[in-house]
C-alpha atoms as a PDB file:
ATOM      1  CA  UNK A   1      -8.518 -43.538  96.188  1.00  0.00           C
ATOM      2  CA  UNK A   2      -9.633 -47.283  94.434  1.00  0.00           C
ATOM      3  CA  UNK A   3     -13.239 -46.112  93.264  1.00  0.00           C
ATOM      4  CA  UNK A   4     -12.830 -42.830  91.535  1.00  0.00           C
ATOM      5  CA  UNK A   5     -10.076 -43.874  89.617  1.00  0.00           C
ATOM      6  CA  UNK A   6     -12.482 -46.040  87.558  1.00  0.00           C
ATOM      7  CA  UNK A   7     -15.207 -45.673  85.595  1.00  0.00           C
ATOM      8  CA  UNK A   8     -17.976 -46.576  88.041  1.00  0.00           C
ATOM      9  CA  UNK A   9     -22.806 -46.931  87.140  1.00  0.00           C
ATOM     10  CA  UNK A  10     -24.716 -46.965  90.159  1.00  0.00           C
ATOM     11  CA  UNK A  11     -28.590 -48.225  88.508  1.00  0.00           C
ATOM     12  CA  UNK A  12     -30.636 -46.135  90.805  1.00  0.00           C
ATOM     13  CA  UNK A  13     -34.506 -47.593  89.878  1.00  0.00           C
ATOM     14  CA  UNK A  14     -36.768 -46.852  86.514  1.00  0.00           C
ATOM     15  CA  UNK A  15     -33.873 -46.140  83.924  1.00  0.00           C
ATOM     16  CA  UNK A  16     -31.695 -44.376  86.152  1.00  0.00           C
ATOM     17  CA  UNK A  17     -28.556 -44.134  86.405  1.00  0.00           C
ATOM     18  CA  UNK A  18     -25.536 -42.028  89.079  1.00  0.00           C
ATOM     19  CA  UNK A  19     -22.446 -42.307  86.860  1.00  0.00           C
ATOM     20  CA  UNK A  20     -18.927 -41.305  88.596  1.00  0.00           C
ATOM     21  CA  UNK A  21     -16.086 -40.578  86.105  1.00  0.00           C
ATOM     22  CA  UNK A  22     -12.364 -40.012  87.050  1.00  0.00           C
ATOM     23  CA  UNK A  23     -11.279 -35.950  87.566  1.00  0.00           C
ATOM     24  CA  UNK A  24      -8.550 -34.790  85.121  1.00  0.00           C
ATOM     25  CA  UNK A  25      -5.939 -33.679  85.986  1.00  0.00           C
ATOM     26  CA  UNK A  26      -4.584 -30.625  87.381  1.00  0.00           C
ATOM     27  CA  UNK A  27      -1.467 -30.150  84.574  1.00  0.00           C
ATOM     28  CA  UNK A  28      -3.235 -32.137  82.315  1.00  0.00           C
ATOM     29  CA  UNK A  29      -6.201 -29.837  82.411  1.00  0.00           C
ATOM     30  CA  UNK A  30      -3.441 -26.925  81.921  1.00  0.00           C
ATOM     31  CA  UNK A  31      -2.127 -28.152  79.479  1.00  0.00           C
ATOM     32  CA  UNK A  32      -4.411 -28.782  77.003  1.00  0.00           C
ATOM     33  CA  UNK A  33      -6.009 -25.648  77.981  1.00  0.00           C
ATOM     34  CA  UNK A  34      -2.336 -24.280  76.801  1.00  0.00           C
ATOM     35  CA  UNK A  35      -2.028 -25.910  73.759  1.00  0.00           C
ATOM     36  CA  UNK A  36      -5.469 -25.051  72.166  1.00  0.00           C
ATOM     37  CA  UNK A  37      -6.720 -21.494  73.333  1.00  0.00           C
ATOM     38  CA  UNK A  38     -10.813 -20.413  73.899  1.00  0.00           C
ATOM     39  CA  UNK A  39     -12.622 -20.711  70.120  1.00  0.00           C
ATOM     40  CA  UNK A  40     -13.790 -17.779  69.311  1.00  0.00           C
ATOM     41  CA  UNK A  41     -11.566 -15.659  70.413  1.00  0.00           C
ATOM     42  CA  UNK A  42      -9.831 -12.949  68.696  1.00  0.00           C
ATOM     43  CA  UNK A  43      -6.189 -14.333  66.763  1.00  0.00           C
END
């Protein structure tokens, strides 16, 4: 679990990286969606 909480870049060779980053928390995504309505939607 601790490895998932930070950013990690793994070099595969010839300029290729696998980048893993922590997932957004569910309640934070919901709050940001409530506060910032979808762009381009009708008023």
